[in-house]
Amino acid sequence: MLIDLTEQKYMAYFSVVGYKFGTWVPMPEIKRISVFSNSYIRINTPNGISPTFSGKVRDYVVQISSYDMEPLFSFTYSNKRKAIKQAEKLASKTNSELNIHIAG
């Protein structure tokens, strides 16, 4: 997804050989940017080729909500600092409330 904050629009796209195809859509007003973590167990099914690692995984989700607090978009990051940095950037550029719900 591409977001253009200066023009207040976004584009969900697909890419073929480096060319992005999609349509720009006006972005609804943003009220809140939230960051939270999500933990789960990831298990790779044995297939005879790939290693079969398993273990606990923690992802960090940046969620963008509108004035009616309905989630508009969410982006998942594997790096906590990167998720918080992007959320702070979005909140400052959209003059939105920033909520970080990550323990530790």
N, C-alpha and C. Protein backbone atom coordinates (compact mmCIF):
# COMPACT_ATOMS: atom_id res chain seq x y z
N MET A 1 0.84 -1.16 0.00
CA MET A 1 0.00 0.00 0.00
C MET A 1 0.89 1.24 0.00
N LEU A 2 0.52 2.19 -0.81
CA LEU A 2 1.21 3.48 -0.83
C LEU A 2 0.30 4.51 -0.18
N ILE A 3 0.88 5.38 0.64
CA ILE A 3 0.13 6.45 1.29
C ILE A 3 0.78 7.77 0.94
N ASP A 4 -0.01 8.71 0.43
CA ASP A 4 0.46 10.05 0.11
C ASP A 4 -0.21 11.00 1.09
N LEU A 5 0.53 11.40 2.14
CA LEU A 5 -0.06 12.25 3.18
C LEU A 5 -0.23 13.69 2.73
N THR A 6 0.56 14.15 1.77
CA THR A 6 0.41 15.53 1.31
C THR A 6 -0.89 15.70 0.53
N GLU A 7 -1.25 14.69 -0.24
CA GLU A 7 -2.50 14.75 -1.04
C GLU A 7 -3.65 14.03 -0.34
N GLN A 8 -3.40 13.44 0.83
CA GLN A 8 -4.41 12.71 1.60
C GLN A 8 -5.10 11.63 0.75
N LYS A 9 -4.28 10.73 0.21
CA LYS A 9 -4.82 9.63 -0.60
C LYS A 9 -3.96 8.39 -0.39
N TYR A 10 -4.51 7.24 -0.76
CA TYR A 10 -3.78 5.99 -0.66
C TYR A 10 -4.07 5.12 -1.88
N MET A 11 -3.18 4.14 -2.09
CA MET A 11 -3.36 3.23 -3.21
C MET A 11 -2.96 1.82 -2.77
N ALA A 12 -3.91 0.89 -2.85
CA ALA A 12 -3.58 -0.52 -2.70
C ALA A 12 -3.16 -0.97 -4.09
N TYR A 13 -2.01 -1.60 -4.21
CA TYR A 13 -1.48 -1.90 -5.54
C TYR A 13 -0.94 -3.32 -5.62
N PHE A 14 -0.72 -3.77 -6.83
CA PHE A 14 0.05 -4.97 -7.08
C PHE A 14 1.16 -4.58 -8.03
N SER A 15 2.23 -5.34 -8.00
CA SER A 15 3.41 -4.99 -8.76
C SER A 15 3.76 -6.11 -9.73
N VAL A 16 4.06 -5.72 -10.97
CA VAL A 16 4.51 -6.66 -11.98
C VAL A 16 5.79 -6.10 -12.59
N VAL A 17 6.88 -6.80 -12.43
CA VAL A 17 8.19 -6.41 -12.95
C VAL A 17 8.54 -4.98 -12.53
N GLY A 18 8.23 -4.63 -11.30
CA GLY A 18 8.57 -3.32 -10.78
C GLY A 18 7.56 -2.22 -11.04
N TYR A 19 6.57 -2.45 -11.88
CA TYR A 19 5.52 -1.46 -12.15
C TYR A 19 4.36 -1.67 -11.19
N LYS A 20 3.90 -0.59 -10.58
CA LYS A 20 2.81 -0.66 -9.62
C LYS A 20 1.49 -0.30 -10.29
N PHE A 21 0.50 -1.16 -10.09
CA PHE A 21 -0.83 -0.96 -10.66
C PHE A 21 -1.84 -0.82 -9.53
N GLY A 22 -2.64 0.21 -9.59
CA GLY A 22 -3.67 0.45 -8.60
C GLY A 22 -4.30 1.80 -8.85
N THR A 23 -5.28 2.14 -8.03
CA THR A 23 -6.00 3.40 -8.18
C THR A 23 -5.89 4.19 -6.88
N TRP A 24 -5.56 5.47 -7.00
CA TRP A 24 -5.52 6.34 -5.83
C TRP A 24 -6.93 6.60 -5.33
N VAL A 25 -7.10 6.53 -4.02
CA VAL A 25 -8.40 6.72 -3.37
C VAL A 25 -8.22 7.77 -2.28
N PRO A 26 -9.19 8.70 -2.12
CA PRO A 26 -9.09 9.68 -1.03
C PRO A 26 -9.05 8.98 0.33
N MET A 27 -8.19 9.45 1.20
CA MET A 27 -8.05 8.85 2.52
C MET A 27 -9.04 9.49 3.50
N PRO A 28 -9.75 8.67 4.26
CA PRO A 28 -10.62 9.25 5.30
C PRO A 28 -9.76 9.92 6.38
N GLU A 29 -10.38 10.78 7.16
CA GLU A 29 -9.62 11.46 8.22
C GLU A 29 -9.18 10.45 9.26
N ILE A 30 -7.96 10.63 9.74
CA ILE A 30 -7.36 9.71 10.70
C ILE A 30 -7.43 10.32 12.10
N LYS A 31 -7.90 9.54 13.05
CA LYS A 31 -8.04 10.01 14.43
C LYS A 31 -6.95 9.43 15.33
N ARG A 32 -6.64 8.15 15.14
CA ARG A 32 -5.74 7.47 16.07
C ARG A 32 -4.80 6.53 15.33
N ILE A 33 -3.55 6.51 15.82
CA ILE A 33 -2.56 5.54 15.38
C ILE A 33 -2.21 4.71 16.61
N SER A 34 -2.37 3.40 16.52
CA SER A 34 -2.08 2.51 17.64
C SER A 34 -0.99 1.53 17.27
N VAL A 35 -0.16 1.20 18.27
CA VAL A 35 0.87 0.19 18.09
C VAL A 35 0.67 -0.85 19.18
N PHE A 36 0.61 -2.11 18.78
CA PHE A 36 0.49 -3.18 19.76
C PHE A 36 1.25 -4.40 19.25
N SER A 37 1.52 -5.32 20.16
CA SER A 37 2.26 -6.52 19.77
C SER A 37 1.32 -7.72 19.71
N ASN A 38 1.74 -8.70 18.93
CA ASN A 38 0.97 -9.92 18.74
C ASN A 38 1.96 -11.09 18.80
N SER A 39 1.74 -12.02 19.73
CA SER A 39 2.62 -13.19 19.85
C SER A 39 1.87 -14.44 19.45
N TYR A 40 2.58 -15.33 18.81
CA TYR A 40 1.99 -16.61 18.41
C TYR A 40 3.11 -17.62 18.18
N ILE A 41 2.72 -18.88 18.10
CA ILE A 41 3.66 -19.95 17.83
C ILE A 41 3.66 -20.23 16.33
N ARG A 42 4.82 -20.17 15.72
CA ARG A 42 4.95 -20.47 14.28
C ARG A 42 5.60 -21.85 14.14
N ILE A 43 4.95 -22.68 13.33
CA ILE A 43 5.46 -24.02 13.08
C ILE A 43 5.57 -24.21 11.58
N ASN A 44 6.75 -24.57 11.11
CA ASN A 44 6.94 -24.90 9.70
C ASN A 44 6.67 -26.38 9.51
N THR A 45 5.82 -26.70 8.59
CA THR A 45 5.49 -28.09 8.31
C THR A 45 6.66 -28.76 7.58
N PRO A 46 7.07 -29.94 8.03
CA PRO A 46 8.17 -30.62 7.34
C PRO A 46 7.80 -30.94 5.90
N ASN A 47 8.71 -30.60 4.97
CA ASN A 47 8.45 -30.90 3.56
C ASN A 47 9.63 -31.60 2.90
N GLY A 48 10.65 -31.92 3.67
CA GLY A 48 11.81 -32.62 3.12
C GLY A 48 12.85 -31.70 2.51
N ILE A 49 12.53 -30.41 2.37
CA ILE A 49 13.47 -29.47 1.75
C ILE A 49 13.85 -28.37 2.74
N SER A 50 12.84 -27.67 3.26
CA SER A 50 13.08 -26.56 4.18
C SER A 50 13.27 -27.07 5.60
N PRO A 51 14.05 -26.34 6.40
CA PRO A 51 14.18 -26.72 7.81
C PRO A 51 12.84 -26.57 8.52
N THR A 52 12.63 -27.37 9.54
CA THR A 52 11.36 -27.35 10.26
C THR A 52 11.53 -26.64 11.60
N PHE A 53 11.74 -25.34 11.54
CA PHE A 53 11.86 -24.54 12.76
C PHE A 53 10.48 -24.28 13.34
N SER A 54 10.43 -24.16 14.63
CA SER A 54 9.20 -23.72 15.27
C SER A 54 9.59 -22.91 16.49
N GLY A 55 8.70 -22.00 16.88
CA GLY A 55 8.99 -21.18 18.04
C GLY A 55 8.01 -20.03 18.16
N LYS A 56 8.17 -19.29 19.24
CA LYS A 56 7.30 -18.15 19.52
C LYS A 56 7.76 -16.95 18.69
N VAL A 57 6.81 -16.28 18.05
CA VAL A 57 7.09 -15.13 17.20
C VAL A 57 6.31 -13.93 17.75
N ARG A 58 6.94 -12.76 17.72
CA ARG A 58 6.26 -11.53 18.15
C ARG A 58 6.29 -10.54 16.98
N ASP A 59 5.12 -10.13 16.56
CA ASP A 59 4.98 -9.10 15.54
C ASP A 59 4.47 -7.82 16.19
N TYR A 60 4.72 -6.69 15.54
CA TYR A 60 4.25 -5.40 16.02
C TYR A 60 3.34 -4.81 14.95
N VAL A 61 2.15 -4.43 15.36
CA VAL A 61 1.12 -3.97 14.43
C VAL A 61 0.89 -2.48 14.62
N VAL A 62 0.92 -1.73 13.52
CA VAL A 62 0.56 -0.32 13.51
C VAL A 62 -0.83 -0.26 12.87
N GLN A 63 -1.80 0.22 13.65
CA GLN A 63 -3.18 0.28 13.18
C GLN A 63 -3.64 1.73 13.08
N ILE A 64 -4.23 2.07 11.95
CA ILE A 64 -4.72 3.43 11.70
C ILE A 64 -6.24 3.40 11.79
N SER A 65 -6.81 4.30 12.62
CA SER A 65 -8.25 4.32 12.84
C SER A 65 -8.83 5.67 12.46
N SER A 66 -10.10 5.66 12.05
CA SER A 66 -10.81 6.88 11.67
C SER A 66 -11.49 7.49 12.89
N TYR A 67 -12.26 8.56 12.66
CA TYR A 67 -12.93 9.26 13.75
C TYR A 67 -13.96 8.39 14.46
N ASP A 68 -14.57 7.43 13.76
CA ASP A 68 -15.51 6.53 14.43
C ASP A 68 -14.78 5.34 15.05
N MET A 69 -13.45 5.43 15.13
CA MET A 69 -12.55 4.43 15.71
C MET A 69 -12.58 3.10 14.95
N GLU A 70 -13.09 3.11 13.73
CA GLU A 70 -13.05 1.92 12.90
C GLU A 70 -11.66 1.78 12.31
N PRO A 71 -11.04 0.60 12.43
CA PRO A 71 -9.71 0.42 11.83
C PRO A 71 -9.77 0.58 10.31
N LEU A 72 -8.88 1.40 9.78
CA LEU A 72 -8.79 1.61 8.34
C LEU A 72 -7.72 0.74 7.72
N PHE A 73 -6.53 0.77 8.30
CA PHE A 73 -5.39 0.04 7.78
C PHE A 73 -4.61 -0.54 8.95
N SER A 74 -3.88 -1.60 8.69
CA SER A 74 -2.91 -2.09 9.68
C SER A 74 -1.69 -2.60 8.93
N PHE A 75 -0.54 -2.36 9.53
CA PHE A 75 0.74 -2.76 8.96
C PHE A 75 1.49 -3.57 10.01
N THR A 76 2.06 -4.69 9.62
CA THR A 76 2.75 -5.57 10.55
C THR A 76 4.26 -5.46 10.34
N TYR A 77 4.98 -5.31 11.45
CA TYR A 77 6.44 -5.21 11.44
C TYR A 77 7.01 -6.28 12.36
N SER A 78 8.18 -6.76 12.04
CA SER A 78 8.87 -7.71 12.91
C SER A 78 9.80 -6.98 13.88
N ASN A 79 10.06 -5.71 13.63
CA ASN A 79 10.98 -4.91 14.43
C ASN A 79 10.20 -3.88 15.23
N LYS A 80 10.34 -3.91 16.55
CA LYS A 80 9.61 -3.01 17.45
C LYS A 80 9.96 -1.54 17.19
N ARG A 81 11.25 -1.24 17.08
CA ARG A 81 11.67 0.16 16.88
C ARG A 81 11.14 0.72 15.56
N LYS A 82 11.17 -0.09 14.52
CA LYS A 82 10.70 0.36 13.22
C LYS A 82 9.18 0.63 13.26
N ALA A 83 8.43 -0.23 13.94
CA ALA A 83 6.98 -0.04 14.06
C ALA A 83 6.66 1.26 14.79
N ILE A 84 7.35 1.50 15.90
CA ILE A 84 7.11 2.72 16.67
C ILE A 84 7.53 3.96 15.88
N LYS A 85 8.65 3.88 15.19
CA LYS A 85 9.12 5.02 14.39
C LYS A 85 8.11 5.38 13.30
N GLN A 86 7.60 4.38 12.59
CA GLN A 86 6.61 4.63 11.54
C GLN A 86 5.31 5.18 12.13
N ALA A 87 4.89 4.66 13.27
CA ALA A 87 3.68 5.15 13.92
C ALA A 87 3.84 6.60 14.35
N GLU A 88 4.99 6.95 14.91
CA GLU A 88 5.26 8.33 15.31
C GLU A 88 5.25 9.26 14.10
N LYS A 89 5.84 8.82 13.01
CA LYS A 89 5.87 9.62 11.79
C LYS A 89 4.44 9.85 11.26
N LEU A 90 3.64 8.79 11.20
CA LEU A 90 2.25 8.92 10.74
C LEU A 90 1.44 9.83 11.65
N ALA A 91 1.60 9.67 12.96
CA ALA A 91 0.83 10.48 13.91
C ALA A 91 1.19 11.95 13.80
N SER A 92 2.48 12.26 13.62
CA SER A 92 2.87 13.67 13.53
C SER A 92 2.40 14.29 12.22
N LYS A 93 2.46 13.53 11.13
CA LYS A 93 2.05 14.08 9.83
C LYS A 93 0.54 14.21 9.69
N THR A 94 -0.23 13.45 10.46
CA THR A 94 -1.70 13.50 10.36
C THR A 94 -2.33 14.18 11.57
N ASN A 95 -1.51 14.67 12.50
CA ASN A 95 -2.00 15.29 13.74
C ASN A 95 -2.99 14.37 14.45
N SER A 96 -2.60 13.11 14.58
CA SER A 96 -3.44 12.09 15.19
C SER A 96 -2.93 11.72 16.56
N GLU A 97 -3.81 11.12 17.35
CA GLU A 97 -3.48 10.59 18.65
C GLU A 97 -2.63 9.34 18.46
N LEU A 98 -1.57 9.19 19.27
CA LEU A 98 -0.71 8.02 19.19
C LEU A 98 -0.82 7.21 20.48
N ASN A 99 -1.18 5.94 20.35
CA ASN A 99 -1.27 5.03 21.49
C ASN A 99 -0.34 3.85 21.25
N ILE A 100 0.58 3.66 22.21
CA ILE A 100 1.50 2.54 22.12
C ILE A 100 1.17 1.57 23.25
N HIS A 101 0.76 0.37 22.88
CA HIS A 101 0.34 -0.66 23.85
C HIS A 101 1.29 -1.84 23.78
N ILE A 102 2.54 -1.62 24.16
CA ILE A 102 3.54 -2.69 24.15
C ILE A 102 4.16 -2.76 25.53
N ALA A 103 4.07 -3.92 26.16
CA ALA A 103 4.67 -4.10 27.46
C ALA A 103 6.19 -4.19 27.34
N GLY A 104 6.89 -3.60 28.28
CA GLY A 104 8.35 -3.71 28.29
C GLY A 104 8.95 -2.75 27.42
